Amino acid sequence: MENPGGNPATDAVPHEFSIRPASAGDAGAILQCLRAAFEPYRSQYTPQAYLDTVMTPDALLQRLQSMTVLVAVDAHGKIVGTIGGAAVSSTEGHLRGMAVPSESQGRGIAQHLLDAIEKHLLAKGCVRISLDTTEPLQRAMRFYEKNGFRRTGRVTDFFGMPLIEYLKLF
């Protein structure tokens, strides 16, 4: 159905978004995105694990300097997803901070973010990509498994929570 009186130049289709590298100017919006995505799981995290996941402004600025952080931006300029990745050796990349708030899920944002960061890390020579996640994030685990990531069997302590390692080989 048409939107009578709508402006085609400014009315956005709800599923439109683009992926781009984040900048320091995006920090506030990235923090909002992380908090919105992880708030439903807050009670299942230890306080320290939650803070490390949603980050402080200083921690985010450090991540922006040490990793490639990508953002998904909707047609209105709102950040609706994020992911970070870095080469941790000459052949392995590591992902951190994948977040898509619930109101933006189901639009392909996570898939596009993952595809973009994998492409970036493959171009750097990575043939293995690892990530870590926690038990409360069952939907994320299914998503990673659907995309070829497998549990390695390595589980470490994440501020009093089990942290489960996943690995994908290319």
N, C-alpha and C. Protein backbone atom coordinates (compact mmCIF):
# COMPACT_ATOMS: atom_id res chain seq x y z
N MET A 1 0.84 -1.18 0.00
CA MET A 1 0.00 0.00 0.00
C MET A 1 0.89 1.24 0.00
N GLU A 2 0.50 2.19 -0.80
CA GLU A 2 1.26 3.43 -0.86
C GLU A 2 1.06 4.24 0.40
N ASN A 3 2.00 5.11 0.64
CA ASN A 3 1.91 6.02 1.77
C ASN A 3 1.53 7.39 1.21
N PRO A 4 0.19 7.69 1.16
CA PRO A 4 -0.19 8.98 0.60
C PRO A 4 0.40 10.13 1.42
N GLY A 5 0.96 11.05 0.75
CA GLY A 5 1.55 12.19 1.42
C GLY A 5 2.97 11.92 1.90
N GLY A 6 3.43 10.69 1.71
CA GLY A 6 4.80 10.36 2.11
C GLY A 6 5.80 10.93 1.13
N ASN A 7 7.02 11.05 1.58
CA ASN A 7 8.07 11.59 0.73
C ASN A 7 9.01 10.46 0.36
N PRO A 8 9.01 10.02 -0.91
CA PRO A 8 9.88 8.91 -1.30
C PRO A 8 11.36 9.17 -1.05
N ALA A 9 11.74 10.42 -1.01
CA ALA A 9 13.15 10.74 -0.78
C ALA A 9 13.56 10.52 0.68
N THR A 10 12.59 10.59 1.59
CA THR A 10 12.94 10.46 3.01
C THR A 10 12.31 9.26 3.70
N ASP A 11 11.24 8.68 3.12
CA ASP A 11 10.61 7.51 3.73
C ASP A 11 11.48 6.30 3.45
N ALA A 12 11.83 5.58 4.50
CA ALA A 12 12.74 4.43 4.34
C ALA A 12 11.95 3.14 4.39
N VAL A 13 12.39 2.18 3.62
CA VAL A 13 11.87 0.82 3.73
C VAL A 13 12.46 0.26 5.01
N PRO A 14 11.66 -0.38 5.88
CA PRO A 14 12.13 -0.79 7.21
C PRO A 14 13.36 -1.70 7.20
N HIS A 15 13.58 -2.47 6.15
CA HIS A 15 14.70 -3.42 6.16
C HIS A 15 15.97 -2.86 5.53
N GLU A 16 15.97 -1.64 5.09
CA GLU A 16 17.16 -1.08 4.45
C GLU A 16 18.20 -0.67 5.49
N PHE A 17 19.43 -1.07 5.22
CA PHE A 17 20.54 -0.68 6.08
C PHE A 17 21.82 -0.84 5.28
N SER A 18 22.88 -0.24 5.77
CA SER A 18 24.19 -0.39 5.15
C SER A 18 25.20 -0.73 6.24
N ILE A 19 26.29 -1.34 5.84
CA ILE A 19 27.38 -1.72 6.75
C ILE A 19 28.56 -0.82 6.43
N ARG A 20 29.17 -0.27 7.49
CA ARG A 20 30.35 0.58 7.29
C ARG A 20 31.25 0.48 8.51
N PRO A 21 32.53 0.86 8.35
CA PRO A 21 33.43 0.90 9.51
C PRO A 21 32.95 1.95 10.50
N ALA A 22 33.09 1.65 11.76
CA ALA A 22 32.73 2.59 12.82
C ALA A 22 33.84 3.61 13.01
N SER A 23 33.46 4.76 13.54
CA SER A 23 34.42 5.80 13.90
C SER A 23 34.21 6.16 15.36
N ALA A 24 35.12 6.93 15.90
CA ALA A 24 34.99 7.37 17.29
C ALA A 24 33.70 8.16 17.49
N GLY A 25 33.24 8.83 16.46
CA GLY A 25 32.00 9.59 16.54
C GLY A 25 30.76 8.72 16.72
N ASP A 26 30.91 7.43 16.44
CA ASP A 26 29.80 6.47 16.59
C ASP A 26 29.74 5.88 18.00
N ALA A 27 30.70 6.21 18.85
CA ALA A 27 30.84 5.53 20.15
C ALA A 27 29.55 5.52 20.96
N GLY A 28 28.92 6.65 21.11
CA GLY A 28 27.70 6.72 21.91
C GLY A 28 26.60 5.82 21.36
N ALA A 29 26.42 5.84 20.05
CA ALA A 29 25.39 5.01 19.42
C ALA A 29 25.73 3.52 19.51
N ILE A 30 27.01 3.18 19.43
CA ILE A 30 27.42 1.77 19.58
C ILE A 30 27.13 1.30 20.99
N LEU A 31 27.46 2.12 21.98
CA LEU A 31 27.17 1.76 23.37
C LEU A 31 25.67 1.56 23.57
N GLN A 32 24.84 2.42 22.99
CA GLN A 32 23.38 2.27 23.07
C GLN A 32 22.94 0.96 22.44
N CYS A 33 23.50 0.63 21.29
CA CYS A 33 23.18 -0.59 20.58
C CYS A 33 23.52 -1.82 21.43
N LEU A 34 24.72 -1.81 22.01
CA LEU A 34 25.14 -2.93 22.86
C LEU A 34 24.22 -3.08 24.07
N ARG A 35 23.92 -1.97 24.70
CA ARG A 35 23.06 -2.02 25.90
C ARG A 35 21.66 -2.52 25.55
N ALA A 36 21.11 -2.05 24.44
CA ALA A 36 19.78 -2.49 24.02
C ALA A 36 19.76 -3.98 23.68
N ALA A 37 20.83 -4.45 23.03
CA ALA A 37 20.88 -5.86 22.64
C ALA A 37 21.06 -6.80 23.82
N PHE A 38 21.81 -6.37 24.84
CA PHE A 38 22.13 -7.27 25.95
C PHE A 38 21.26 -7.07 27.19
N GLU A 39 20.47 -6.00 27.23
CA GLU A 39 19.62 -5.76 28.40
C GLU A 39 18.70 -6.95 28.73
N PRO A 40 18.10 -7.62 27.73
CA PRO A 40 17.24 -8.76 28.07
C PRO A 40 17.97 -9.91 28.79
N TYR A 41 19.29 -9.94 28.70
CA TYR A 41 20.09 -11.01 29.30
C TYR A 41 20.79 -10.56 30.58
N ARG A 42 20.62 -9.33 30.95
CA ARG A 42 21.37 -8.74 32.07
C ARG A 42 21.28 -9.59 33.34
N SER A 43 20.09 -10.07 33.67
CA SER A 43 19.91 -10.84 34.90
C SER A 43 20.62 -12.19 34.86
N GLN A 44 20.99 -12.64 33.67
CA GLN A 44 21.68 -13.92 33.51
C GLN A 44 23.20 -13.77 33.48
N TYR A 45 23.67 -12.54 33.54
CA TYR A 45 25.10 -12.23 33.55
C TYR A 45 25.53 -11.83 34.95
N THR A 46 26.78 -12.08 35.27
CA THR A 46 27.32 -11.49 36.49
C THR A 46 27.49 -9.99 36.21
N PRO A 47 27.50 -9.15 37.24
CA PRO A 47 27.66 -7.71 36.97
C PRO A 47 28.92 -7.38 36.18
N GLN A 48 30.03 -8.04 36.50
CA GLN A 48 31.29 -7.76 35.79
C GLN A 48 31.23 -8.22 34.33
N ALA A 49 30.61 -9.38 34.09
CA ALA A 49 30.49 -9.89 32.72
C ALA A 49 29.60 -8.97 31.88
N TYR A 50 28.53 -8.49 32.50
CA TYR A 50 27.63 -7.59 31.78
C TYR A 50 28.36 -6.28 31.42
N LEU A 51 29.06 -5.71 32.37
CA LEU A 51 29.78 -4.46 32.11
C LEU A 51 30.84 -4.65 31.02
N ASP A 52 31.55 -5.78 31.03
CA ASP A 52 32.54 -6.04 29.99
C ASP A 52 31.87 -6.18 28.62
N THR A 53 30.67 -6.73 28.59
CA THR A 53 29.95 -6.94 27.34
C THR A 53 29.40 -5.64 26.77
N VAL A 54 28.79 -4.82 27.61
CA VAL A 54 28.21 -3.56 27.11
C VAL A 54 29.21 -2.43 27.10
N MET A 55 30.30 -2.58 27.79
CA MET A 55 31.47 -1.71 27.79
C MET A 55 31.26 -0.31 28.37
N THR A 56 32.35 0.22 28.83
CA THR A 56 32.41 1.63 29.23
C THR A 56 32.83 2.43 27.99
N PRO A 57 32.62 3.72 27.99
CA PRO A 57 33.09 4.53 26.85
C PRO A 57 34.59 4.37 26.59
N ASP A 58 35.40 4.32 27.65
CA ASP A 58 36.85 4.15 27.46
C ASP A 58 37.18 2.80 26.84
N ALA A 59 36.50 1.75 27.29
CA ALA A 59 36.75 0.41 26.73
C ALA A 59 36.38 0.37 25.25
N LEU A 60 35.29 1.03 24.90
CA LEU A 60 34.88 1.06 23.49
C LEU A 60 35.89 1.83 22.65
N LEU A 61 36.36 2.97 23.14
CA LEU A 61 37.35 3.73 22.37
C LEU A 61 38.62 2.90 22.17
N GLN A 62 39.01 2.14 23.18
CA GLN A 62 40.17 1.25 23.05
C GLN A 62 39.90 0.18 21.99
N ARG A 63 38.69 -0.38 22.00
CA ARG A 63 38.35 -1.39 20.99
C ARG A 63 38.38 -0.79 19.59
N LEU A 64 37.90 0.42 19.45
CA LEU A 64 37.91 1.06 18.13
C LEU A 64 39.33 1.25 17.61
N GLN A 65 40.30 1.38 18.52
CA GLN A 65 41.70 1.54 18.11
C GLN A 65 42.38 0.20 17.85
N SER A 66 41.93 -0.87 18.52
CA SER A 66 42.63 -2.16 18.42
C SER A 66 41.95 -3.16 17.49
N MET A 67 40.72 -2.90 17.09
CA MET A 67 39.97 -3.83 16.24
C MET A 67 39.29 -3.05 15.12
N THR A 68 38.86 -3.79 14.13
CA THR A 68 37.96 -3.23 13.13
C THR A 68 36.56 -3.41 13.69
N VAL A 69 35.85 -2.32 13.87
CA VAL A 69 34.47 -2.37 14.35
C VAL A 69 33.59 -1.90 13.19
N LEU A 70 32.61 -2.72 12.87
CA LEU A 70 31.66 -2.38 11.82
C LEU A 70 30.31 -2.07 12.46
N VAL A 71 29.55 -1.22 11.80
CA VAL A 71 28.20 -0.91 12.24
C VAL A 71 27.23 -1.08 11.07
N ALA A 72 26.01 -1.47 11.42
CA ALA A 72 24.89 -1.46 10.47
C ALA A 72 24.10 -0.20 10.77
N VAL A 73 23.83 0.57 9.74
CA VAL A 73 23.16 1.85 9.88
C VAL A 73 21.90 1.82 9.03
N ASP A 74 20.76 2.15 9.66
CA ASP A 74 19.51 2.16 8.89
C ASP A 74 19.41 3.41 8.03
N ALA A 75 18.35 3.49 7.26
CA ALA A 75 18.18 4.60 6.32
C ALA A 75 18.04 5.95 7.01
N HIS A 76 17.76 5.95 8.32
CA HIS A 76 17.64 7.19 9.08
C HIS A 76 18.95 7.54 9.80
N GLY A 77 19.99 6.75 9.59
CA GLY A 77 21.28 7.01 10.22
C GLY A 77 21.45 6.40 11.60
N LYS A 78 20.49 5.61 12.04
CA LYS A 78 20.56 4.98 13.36
C LYS A 78 21.39 3.68 13.29
N ILE A 79 22.29 3.51 14.24
CA ILE A 79 23.07 2.27 14.30
C ILE A 79 22.16 1.17 14.85
N VAL A 80 22.00 0.11 14.05
CA VAL A 80 21.09 -0.98 14.40
C VAL A 80 21.82 -2.32 14.57
N GLY A 81 23.15 -2.27 14.58
CA GLY A 81 23.94 -3.47 14.80
C GLY A 81 25.41 -3.14 14.76
N THR A 82 26.20 -4.03 15.39
CA THR A 82 27.65 -3.82 15.42
C THR A 82 28.36 -5.16 15.58
N ILE A 83 29.61 -5.19 15.16
CA ILE A 83 30.49 -6.35 15.36
C ILE A 83 31.93 -5.85 15.29
N GLY A 84 32.81 -6.49 16.03
CA GLY A 84 34.23 -6.17 15.98
C GLY A 84 35.03 -7.40 15.61
N GLY A 85 36.16 -7.18 14.99
CA GLY A 85 37.03 -8.30 14.65
C GLY A 85 38.45 -7.82 14.48
N ALA A 86 39.39 -8.72 14.79
CA ALA A 86 40.81 -8.39 14.64
C ALA A 86 41.59 -9.66 14.33
N ALA A 87 42.65 -9.50 13.58
CA ALA A 87 43.59 -10.60 13.38
C ALA A 87 44.40 -10.74 14.65
N VAL A 88 44.38 -11.92 15.26
CA VAL A 88 45.13 -12.15 16.49
C VAL A 88 46.43 -12.91 16.22
N SER A 89 46.58 -13.39 15.00
CA SER A 89 47.83 -13.99 14.52
C SER A 89 47.82 -13.86 13.01
N SER A 90 48.83 -14.39 12.36
CA SER A 90 48.88 -14.26 10.90
C SER A 90 47.79 -15.07 10.20
N THR A 91 47.19 -16.04 10.91
CA THR A 91 46.18 -16.88 10.29
C THR A 91 44.84 -16.93 11.03
N GLU A 92 44.75 -16.27 12.18
CA GLU A 92 43.50 -16.35 12.95
C GLU A 92 42.95 -14.98 13.28
N GLY A 93 41.64 -14.85 13.05
CA GLY A 93 40.92 -13.66 13.46
C GLY A 93 40.03 -13.99 14.63
N HIS A 94 39.64 -12.98 15.36
CA HIS A 94 38.75 -13.17 16.52
C HIS A 94 37.66 -12.12 16.47
N LEU A 95 36.42 -12.54 16.73
CA LEU A 95 35.27 -11.65 16.73
C LEU A 95 34.86 -11.29 18.14
N ARG A 96 34.36 -10.08 18.31
CA ARG A 96 33.83 -9.61 19.61
C ARG A 96 32.71 -8.63 19.37
N GLY A 97 31.81 -8.58 20.33
CA GLY A 97 30.83 -7.51 20.37
C GLY A 97 29.78 -7.52 19.28
N MET A 98 29.31 -8.71 18.87
CA MET A 98 28.21 -8.76 17.91
C MET A 98 26.94 -8.41 18.65
N ALA A 99 26.22 -7.44 18.14
CA ALA A 99 24.97 -7.02 18.78
C ALA A 99 24.00 -6.46 17.76
N VAL A 100 22.77 -6.95 17.84
CA VAL A 100 21.65 -6.40 17.08
C VAL A 100 20.48 -6.35 18.06
N PRO A 101 20.02 -5.16 18.43
CA PRO A 101 18.90 -5.06 19.37
C PRO A 101 17.66 -5.80 18.86
N SER A 102 16.85 -6.29 19.77
CA SER A 102 15.70 -7.13 19.40
C SER A 102 14.78 -6.45 18.39
N GLU A 103 14.58 -5.14 18.48
CA GLU A 103 13.67 -4.47 17.55
C GLU A 103 14.21 -4.45 16.12
N SER A 104 15.49 -4.74 15.94
CA SER A 104 16.09 -4.76 14.60
C SER A 104 16.40 -6.17 14.12
N GLN A 105 16.11 -7.18 14.92
CA GLN A 105 16.40 -8.56 14.52
C GLN A 105 15.42 -9.02 13.45
N GLY A 106 15.84 -10.04 12.70
CA GLY A 106 14.99 -10.60 11.66
C GLY A 106 15.06 -9.85 10.34
N ARG A 107 15.99 -8.93 10.21
CA ARG A 107 16.13 -8.13 8.99
C ARG A 107 17.39 -8.47 8.20
N GLY A 108 18.15 -9.46 8.66
CA GLY A 108 19.38 -9.83 7.96
C GLY A 108 20.60 -9.03 8.40
N ILE A 109 20.44 -8.20 9.41
CA ILE A 109 21.54 -7.33 9.85
C ILE A 109 22.71 -8.16 10.37
N ALA A 110 22.43 -9.11 11.26
CA ALA A 110 23.52 -9.93 11.83
C ALA A 110 24.26 -10.67 10.72
N GLN A 111 23.53 -11.22 9.76
CA GLN A 111 24.18 -11.95 8.68
C GLN A 111 25.10 -11.05 7.87
N HIS A 112 24.63 -9.86 7.55
CA HIS A 112 25.46 -8.94 6.77
C HIS A 112 26.69 -8.48 7.57
N LEU A 113 26.51 -8.23 8.86
CA LEU A 113 27.66 -7.85 9.69
C LEU A 113 28.68 -8.98 9.74
N LEU A 114 28.22 -10.22 9.97
CA LEU A 114 29.13 -11.35 10.04
C LEU A 114 29.84 -11.55 8.70
N ASP A 115 29.09 -11.51 7.61
CA ASP A 115 29.71 -11.68 6.28
C ASP A 115 30.78 -10.62 6.03
N ALA A 116 30.49 -9.38 6.41
CA ALA A 116 31.44 -8.28 6.16
C ALA A 116 32.70 -8.44 6.99
N ILE A 117 32.58 -8.80 8.26
CA ILE A 117 33.78 -8.93 9.09
C ILE A 117 34.58 -10.16 8.69
N GLU A 118 33.91 -11.24 8.29
CA GLU A 118 34.64 -12.41 7.79
C GLU A 118 35.42 -12.06 6.53
N LYS A 119 34.80 -11.34 5.61
CA LYS A 119 35.48 -10.92 4.38
C LYS A 119 36.71 -10.08 4.72
N HIS A 120 36.56 -9.18 5.66
CA HIS A 120 37.67 -8.32 6.10
C HIS A 120 38.82 -9.16 6.66
N LEU A 121 38.50 -10.12 7.52
CA LEU A 121 39.54 -10.94 8.14
C LEU A 121 40.17 -11.90 7.14
N LEU A 122 39.39 -12.43 6.21
CA LEU A 122 39.95 -13.28 5.17
C LEU A 122 40.94 -12.51 4.31
N ALA A 123 40.64 -11.25 4.02
CA ALA A 123 41.55 -10.40 3.23
C ALA A 123 42.85 -10.15 3.97
N LYS A 124 42.84 -10.26 5.30
CA LYS A 124 44.07 -10.11 6.10
C LYS A 124 44.83 -11.43 6.22
N GLY A 125 44.35 -12.49 5.58
CA GLY A 125 45.04 -13.77 5.61
C GLY A 125 44.54 -14.76 6.65
N CYS A 126 43.48 -14.41 7.35
CA CYS A 126 42.94 -15.32 8.37
C CYS A 126 42.25 -16.50 7.70
N VAL A 127 42.57 -17.69 8.14
CA VAL A 127 41.91 -18.90 7.65
C VAL A 127 41.12 -19.58 8.76
N ARG A 128 41.21 -19.00 9.95
CA ARG A 128 40.45 -19.44 11.12
C ARG A 128 39.88 -18.19 11.78
N ILE A 129 38.62 -18.28 12.20
CA ILE A 129 38.02 -17.17 12.95
C ILE A 129 37.37 -17.76 14.19
N SER A 130 37.73 -17.19 15.34
CA SER A 130 37.18 -17.65 16.60
C SER A 130 36.28 -16.57 17.20
N LEU A 131 35.45 -17.00 18.11
CA LEU A 131 34.61 -16.09 18.89
C LEU A 131 34.26 -16.80 20.18
N ASP A 132 33.82 -16.04 21.16
CA ASP A 132 33.40 -16.58 22.44
C ASP A 132 32.00 -16.08 22.72
N THR A 133 31.19 -16.92 23.35
CA THR A 133 29.84 -16.51 23.72
C THR A 133 29.44 -17.18 25.02
N THR A 134 28.31 -16.76 25.55
CA THR A 134 27.85 -17.27 26.84
C THR A 134 26.54 -18.03 26.68
N GLU A 135 26.25 -18.91 27.64
CA GLU A 135 25.06 -19.75 27.62
C GLU A 135 23.74 -18.99 27.44
N PRO A 136 23.56 -17.81 28.05
CA PRO A 136 22.27 -17.15 27.85
C PRO A 136 21.96 -16.82 26.39
N LEU A 137 22.98 -16.75 25.55
CA LEU A 137 22.80 -16.31 24.16
C LEU A 137 22.54 -17.49 23.22
N GLN A 138 21.51 -18.26 23.50
CA GLN A 138 21.19 -19.44 22.70
C GLN A 138 20.89 -19.10 21.24
N ARG A 139 20.17 -18.01 21.00
CA ARG A 139 19.86 -17.62 19.62
C ARG A 139 21.16 -17.31 18.87
N ALA A 140 22.08 -16.62 19.52
CA ALA A 140 23.36 -16.31 18.89
C ALA A 140 24.13 -17.59 18.59
N MET A 141 24.12 -18.55 19.51
CA MET A 141 24.84 -19.81 19.27
C MET A 141 24.27 -20.53 18.05
N ARG A 142 22.95 -20.56 17.91
CA ARG A 142 22.34 -21.20 16.73
C ARG A 142 22.75 -20.46 15.45
N PHE A 143 22.79 -19.13 15.52
CA PHE A 143 23.19 -18.32 14.38
C PHE A 143 24.63 -18.64 13.97
N TYR A 144 25.54 -18.67 14.95
CA TYR A 144 26.94 -18.97 14.64
C TYR A 144 27.08 -20.37 14.06
N GLU A 145 26.38 -21.34 14.64
CA GLU A 145 26.47 -22.72 14.14
C GLU A 145 25.92 -22.81 12.72
N LYS A 146 24.84 -22.10 12.44
CA LYS A 146 24.27 -22.07 11.08
C LYS A 146 25.29 -21.49 10.10
N ASN A 147 26.18 -20.64 10.58
CA ASN A 147 27.18 -20.00 9.74
C ASN A 147 28.54 -20.71 9.76
N GLY A 148 28.57 -21.96 10.22
CA GLY A 148 29.78 -22.76 10.12
C GLY A 148 30.71 -22.73 11.31
N PHE A 149 30.34 -22.03 12.38
CA PHE A 149 31.16 -22.03 13.59
C PHE A 149 30.83 -23.29 14.39
N ARG A 150 31.86 -23.88 14.99
CA ARG A 150 31.69 -25.09 15.80
C ARG A 150 32.34 -24.87 17.16
N ARG A 151 31.72 -25.44 18.19
CA ARG A 151 32.31 -25.39 19.53
C ARG A 151 33.64 -26.13 19.51
N THR A 152 34.63 -25.53 20.15
CA THR A 152 35.95 -26.17 20.20
C THR A 152 36.07 -27.10 21.41
N GLY A 153 35.17 -26.95 22.37
CA GLY A 153 35.26 -27.68 23.63
C GLY A 153 35.97 -26.88 24.71
N ARG A 154 36.54 -25.74 24.32
CA ARG A 154 37.23 -24.89 25.29
C ARG A 154 36.20 -23.98 25.97
N VAL A 155 36.15 -24.05 27.28
CA VAL A 155 35.28 -23.19 28.07
C VAL A 155 36.14 -22.53 29.14
N THR A 156 36.11 -21.22 29.19
CA THR A 156 36.92 -20.49 30.17
C THR A 156 35.98 -19.68 31.08
N ASP A 157 36.58 -19.06 32.07
CA ASP A 157 35.81 -18.26 33.01
C ASP A 157 35.71 -16.82 32.51
N PHE A 158 34.50 -16.31 32.47
CA PHE A 158 34.23 -14.94 32.05
C PHE A 158 33.54 -14.25 33.21
N PHE A 159 34.33 -13.74 34.14
CA PHE A 159 33.80 -13.05 35.31
C PHE A 159 32.73 -13.89 36.02
N GLY A 160 33.05 -15.17 36.21
CA GLY A 160 32.13 -16.05 36.93
C GLY A 160 31.10 -16.75 36.06
N MET A 161 31.20 -16.61 34.76
CA MET A 161 30.29 -17.28 33.82
C MET A 161 31.11 -18.15 32.87
N PRO A 162 30.55 -19.27 32.40
CA PRO A 162 31.25 -20.04 31.38
C PRO A 162 31.28 -19.27 30.05
N LEU A 163 32.45 -19.21 29.44
CA LEU A 163 32.64 -18.56 28.14
C LEU A 163 32.99 -19.67 27.15
N ILE A 164 32.16 -19.84 26.15
CA ILE A 164 32.26 -20.96 25.22
C ILE A 164 32.93 -20.48 23.93
N GLU A 165 34.01 -21.18 23.55
CA GLU A 165 34.73 -20.81 22.33
C GLU A 165 34.16 -21.53 21.12
N TYR A 166 34.04 -20.78 20.04
CA TYR A 166 33.62 -21.30 18.74
C TYR A 166 34.73 -21.01 17.73
N LEU A 167 34.82 -21.84 16.70
CA LEU A 167 35.84 -21.67 15.66
C LEU A 167 35.25 -22.00 14.31
N LYS A 168 35.64 -21.24 13.29
CA LYS A 168 35.26 -21.52 11.91
C LYS A 168 36.53 -21.58 11.09
N LEU A 169 36.65 -22.62 10.28
CA LEU A 169 37.80 -22.79 9.38
C LEU A 169 37.38 -22.46 7.96
N PHE A 170 38.28 -21.81 7.23
CA PHE A 170 38.00 -21.45 5.84
C PHE A 170 38.91 -22.20 4.90
